[in-house]
C-alpha atoms as a PDB file:
ATOM      1  CA  UNK A   1     -11.011  84.166 -30.001  1.00  0.00           C
ATOM      2  CA  UNK A   2     -10.204  85.334 -33.772  1.00  0.00           C
ATOM      3  CA  UNK A   3     -12.524  87.359 -35.726  1.00  0.00           C
ATOM      4  CA  UNK A   4     -13.011  84.379 -37.953  1.00  0.00           C
ATOM      5  CA  UNK A   5     -14.344  82.034 -35.564  1.00  0.00           C
ATOM      6  CA  UNK A   6     -16.015  84.800 -33.944  1.00  0.00           C
ATOM      7  CA  UNK A   7     -17.997  84.920 -37.062  1.00  0.00           C
ATOM      8  CA  UNK A   8     -18.733  81.145 -37.393  1.00  0.00           C
ATOM      9  CA  UNK A   9     -20.307  81.392 -33.705  1.00  0.00           C
ATOM     10  CA  UNK A  10     -22.829  84.313 -34.504  1.00  0.00           C
ATOM     11  CA  UNK A  11     -23.101  82.022 -37.992  1.00  0.00           C
ATOM     12  CA  UNK A  12     -24.195  78.784 -35.734  1.00  0.00           C
ATOM     13  CA  UNK A  13     -26.635  80.903 -33.561  1.00  0.00           C
ATOM     14  CA  UNK A  14     -28.713  82.890 -36.956  1.00  0.00           C
ATOM     15  CA  UNK A  15     -28.482  79.365 -39.071  1.00  0.00           C
ATOM     16  CA  UNK A  16     -30.081  77.471 -35.373  1.00  0.00           C
ATOM     17  CA  UNK A  17     -31.756  80.288 -35.391  1.00  0.00           C
ATOM     18  CA  UNK A  18     -33.696  81.100 -38.572  1.00  0.00           C
ATOM     19  CA  UNK A  19     -34.015  76.199 -38.701  1.00  0.00           C
ATOM     20  CA  UNK A  20     -36.670  76.789 -35.616  1.00  0.00           C
ATOM     21  CA  UNK A  21     -38.531  80.027 -36.556  1.00  0.00           C
ATOM     22  CA  UNK A  22     -38.008  79.953 -40.702  1.00  0.00           C
ATOM     23  CA  UNK A  23     -36.631  83.812 -40.453  1.00  0.00           C
ATOM     24  CA  UNK A  24     -33.545  85.218 -40.460  1.00  0.00           C
ATOM     25  CA  UNK A  25     -31.671  86.667 -37.611  1.00  0.00           C
ATOM     26  CA  UNK A  26     -29.709  89.386 -37.631  1.00  0.00           C
ATOM     27  CA  UNK A  27     -27.290  91.380 -35.300  1.00  0.00           C
ATOM     28  CA  UNK A  28     -29.273  93.290 -33.904  1.00  0.00           C
ATOM     29  CA  UNK A  29     -31.390  90.575 -32.541  1.00  0.00           C
ATOM     30  CA  UNK A  30     -28.426  88.543 -31.376  1.00  0.00           C
ATOM     31  CA  UNK A  31     -26.944  92.094 -29.380  1.00  0.00           C
ATOM     32  CA  UNK A  32     -29.962  92.580 -28.588  1.00  0.00           C
ATOM     33  CA  UNK A  33     -29.976  88.809 -25.898  1.00  0.00           C
ATOM     34  CA  UNK A  34     -26.329  90.239 -25.225  1.00  0.00           C
ATOM     35  CA  UNK A  35     -25.468  94.194 -25.118  1.00  0.00           C
ATOM     36  CA  UNK A  36     -22.479  93.838 -24.729  1.00  0.00           C
ATOM     37  CA  UNK A  37     -21.457  91.377 -28.129  1.00  0.00           C
ATOM     38  CA  UNK A  38     -21.257  94.381 -29.803  1.00  0.00           C
ATOM     39  CA  UNK A  39     -19.317  93.215 -33.308  1.00  0.00           C
ATOM     40  CA  UNK A  40     -17.326  95.158 -35.701  1.00  0.00           C
ATOM     41  CA  UNK A  41     -17.643  95.422 -39.020  1.00  0.00           C
ATOM     42  CA  UNK A  42     -14.791  92.087 -40.347  1.00  0.00           C
ATOM     43  CA  UNK A  43     -16.431  89.478 -37.383  1.00  0.00           C
ATOM     44  CA  UNK A  44     -20.326  90.981 -39.249  1.00  0.00           C
ATOM     45  CA  UNK A  45     -19.456  91.000 -43.337  1.00  0.00           C
ATOM     46  CA  UNK A  46     -18.080  87.519 -42.780  1.00  0.00           C
ATOM     47  CA  UNK A  47     -21.000  85.924 -40.485  1.00  0.00           C
ATOM     48  CA  UNK A  48     -22.969  87.823 -43.232  1.00  0.00           C
ATOM     49  CA  UNK A  49     -21.648  85.868 -46.119  1.00  0.00           C
ATOM     50  CA  UNK A  50     -21.595  83.145 -43.950  1.00  0.00           C
ATOM     51  CA  UNK A  51     -25.685  82.757 -43.337  1.00  0.00           C
ATOM     52  CA  UNK A  52     -26.337  84.414 -46.830  1.00  0.00           C
ATOM     53  CA  UNK A  53     -24.667  82.093 -48.832  1.00  0.00           C
ATOM     54  CA  UNK A  54     -25.831  79.319 -46.372  1.00  0.00           C
ATOM     55  CA  UNK A  55     -29.182  79.665 -46.732  1.00  0.00           C
ATOM     56  CA  UNK A  56     -29.144  80.374 -50.601  1.00  0.00           C
ATOM     57  CA  UNK A  57     -27.330  77.102 -51.219  1.00  0.00           C
ATOM     58  CA  UNK A  58     -29.489  74.898 -48.364  1.00  0.00           C
ATOM     59  CA  UNK A  59     -31.056  72.449 -50.556  1.00  0.00           C
ATOM     60  CA  UNK A  60     -27.215  72.084 -51.994  1.00  0.00           C
ATOM     61  CA  UNK A  61     -25.194  72.137 -48.883  1.00  0.00           C
ATOM     62  CA  UNK A  62     -28.399  69.461 -47.026  1.00  0.00           C
ATOM     63  CA  UNK A  63     -27.878  66.693 -50.286  1.00  0.00           C
ATOM     64  CA  UNK A  64     -24.286  66.955 -49.929  1.00  0.00           C
ATOM     65  CA  UNK A  65     -24.288  66.376 -45.870  1.00  0.00           C
ATOM     66  CA  UNK A  66     -26.575  63.692 -46.560  1.00  0.00           C
ATOM     67  CA  UNK A  67     -25.392  61.818 -49.535  1.00  0.00           C
ATOM     68  CA  UNK A  68     -21.611  60.679 -46.982  1.00  0.00           C
ATOM     69  CA  UNK A  69     -23.546  60.176 -43.659  1.00  0.00           C
ATOM     70  CA  UNK A  70     -24.632  57.267 -44.171  1.00  0.00           C
ATOM     71  CA  UNK A  71     -27.469  55.784 -42.230  1.00  0.00           C
ATOM     72  CA  UNK A  72     -28.030  59.106 -41.224  1.00  0.00           C
ATOM     73  CA  UNK A  73     -30.908  60.804 -41.536  1.00  0.00           C
ATOM     74  CA  UNK A  74     -30.342  65.275 -42.080  1.00  0.00           C
ATOM     75  CA  UNK A  75     -33.456  65.597 -39.475  1.00  0.00           C
ATOM     76  CA  UNK A  76     -31.482  62.356 -36.973  1.00  0.00           C
ATOM     77  CA  UNK A  77     -28.630  64.840 -36.463  1.00  0.00           C
ATOM     78  CA  UNK A  78     -28.249  67.152 -33.416  1.00  0.00           C
ATOM     79  CA  UNK A  79     -29.197  70.239 -34.371  1.00  0.00           C
ATOM     80  CA  UNK A  80     -25.860  72.357 -33.576  1.00  0.00           C
ATOM     81  CA  UNK A  81     -24.217  69.485 -35.452  1.00  0.00           C
ATOM     82  CA  UNK A  82     -25.867  69.798 -38.162  1.00  0.00           C
ATOM     83  CA  UNK A  83     -25.558  73.542 -38.495  1.00  0.00           C
ATOM     84  CA  UNK A  84     -21.716  73.799 -38.240  1.00  0.00           C
ATOM     85  CA  UNK A  85     -21.648  71.675 -40.677  1.00  0.00           C
ATOM     86  CA  UNK A  86     -23.915  73.268 -42.698  1.00  0.00           C
ATOM     87  CA  UNK A  87     -21.705  76.716 -43.127  1.00  0.00           C
ATOM     88  CA  UNK A  88     -18.923  74.445 -42.610  1.00  0.00           C
ATOM     89  CA  UNK A  89     -19.345  72.727 -46.799  1.00  0.00           C
ATOM     90  CA  UNK A  90     -20.849  76.276 -47.703  1.00  0.00           C
ATOM     91  CA  UNK A  91     -17.178  77.401 -46.858  1.00  0.00           C
ATOM     92  CA  UNK A  92     -15.115  74.495 -48.615  1.00  0.00           C
ATOM     93  CA  UNK A  93     -17.591  74.255 -51.892  1.00  0.00           C
ATOM     94  CA  UNK A  94     -18.280  78.204 -52.143  1.00  0.00           C
ATOM     95  CA  UNK A  95     -15.269  79.444 -50.835  1.00  0.00           C
ATOM     96  CA  UNK A  96     -12.172  79.494 -52.591  1.00  0.00           C
ATOM     97  CA  UNK A  97      -9.595  82.293 -50.207  1.00  0.00           C
ATOM     98  CA  UNK A  98     -10.775  79.332 -47.175  1.00  0.00           C
ATOM     99  CA  UNK A  99      -8.448  76.138 -47.826  1.00  0.00           C
ATOM    100  CA  UNK A 100     -10.998  73.034 -46.397  1.00  0.00           C
ATOM    101  CA  UNK A 101      -8.799  72.150 -43.641  1.00  0.00           C
ATOM    102  CA  UNK A 102      -8.865  75.515 -42.097  1.00  0.00           C
ATOM    103  CA  UNK A 103     -12.789  75.372 -42.455  1.00  0.00           C
ATOM    104  CA  UNK A 104     -12.411  72.034 -40.889  1.00  0.00           C
ATOM    105  CA  UNK A 105     -10.594  72.630 -38.107  1.00  0.00           C
ATOM    106  CA  UNK A 106     -13.001  75.398 -36.891  1.00  0.00           C
ATOM    107  CA  UNK A 107     -16.284  73.111 -37.608  1.00  0.00           C
ATOM    108  CA  UNK A 108     -14.477  70.928 -35.166  1.00  0.00           C
ATOM    109  CA  UNK A 109     -13.953  73.298 -32.374  1.00  0.00           C
ATOM    110  CA  UNK A 110     -16.619  75.321 -32.705  1.00  0.00           C
ATOM    111  CA  UNK A 111     -18.323  71.251 -32.380  1.00  0.00           C
ATOM    112  CA  UNK A 112     -16.499  70.569 -29.172  1.00  0.00           C
ATOM    113  CA  UNK A 113     -17.209  74.175 -27.277  1.00  0.00           C
ATOM    114  CA  UNK A 114     -20.852  74.267 -28.550  1.00  0.00           C
ATOM    115  CA  UNK A 115     -21.840  70.458 -29.004  1.00  0.00           C
ATOM    116  CA  UNK A 116     -19.428  67.713 -28.045  1.00  0.00           C
ATOM    117  CA  UNK A 117     -15.918  65.366 -28.708  1.00  0.00           C
ATOM    118  CA  UNK A 118     -17.943  63.261 -29.855  1.00  0.00           C
ATOM    119  CA  UNK A 119     -20.083  65.415 -32.283  1.00  0.00           C
ATOM    120  CA  UNK A 120     -16.214  66.918 -33.793  1.00  0.00           C
ATOM    121  CA  UNK A 121     -15.232  63.462 -34.769  1.00  0.00           C
ATOM    122  CA  UNK A 122     -18.823  62.777 -36.701  1.00  0.00           C
ATOM    123  CA  UNK A 123     -18.709  65.797 -38.452  1.00  0.00           C
ATOM    124  CA  UNK A 124     -14.377  65.641 -38.975  1.00  0.00           C
ATOM    125  CA  UNK A 125     -14.922  62.589 -41.184  1.00  0.00           C
ATOM    126  CA  UNK A 126     -18.010  63.898 -43.144  1.00  0.00           C
ATOM    127  CA  UNK A 127     -16.657  67.258 -43.835  1.00  0.00           C
ATOM    128  CA  UNK A 128     -12.833  65.775 -44.552  1.00  0.00           C
ATOM    129  CA  UNK A 129     -15.833  63.233 -47.312  1.00  0.00           C
ATOM    130  CA  UNK A 130     -17.185  66.091 -48.185  1.00  0.00           C
ATOM    131  CA  UNK A 131     -13.988  68.197 -49.242  1.00  0.00           C
ATOM    132  CA  UNK A 132     -12.018  65.186 -50.985  1.00  0.00           C
ATOM    133  CA  UNK A 133     -15.306  64.809 -53.270  1.00  0.00           C
ATOM    134  CA  UNK A 134     -15.651  68.921 -54.293  1.00  0.00           C
ATOM    135  CA  UNK A 135     -11.370  67.447 -55.321  1.00  0.00           C
ATOM    136  CA  UNK A 136     -10.423  69.687 -52.975  1.00  0.00           C
ATOM    137  CA  UNK A 137      -6.964  69.042 -50.670  1.00  0.00           C
ATOM    138  CA  UNK A 138      -8.526  68.996 -46.324  1.00  0.00           C
END
């Protein structure tokens, strides 16, 4: 698995934990759960950037997701799916160094691993619309 995908998976875990506890996780907590998963500096750095950026813009990100999720309330979405979309929307809106198509593809692969193929289709539709609405090609 590439480092950026691993960082995104860690970001998902930390955002998921934050949603349930109200506290931000860190790598120490993740590594305490599984000491074999010591992360290298590059993985840590990218994951921290995603988590910090996502949390800093969480209200705006959730608003964007809600705008394109016709007939779906945020609290009715699966937590895993919601948090995958959150860090992906952060990347699309705030990380100009990552093409939206790459972000969307990574989010879909993570959704297939941690959620379902149906969730991946749902996430794909929403992220594609957000990327188009932001003026970035996907």
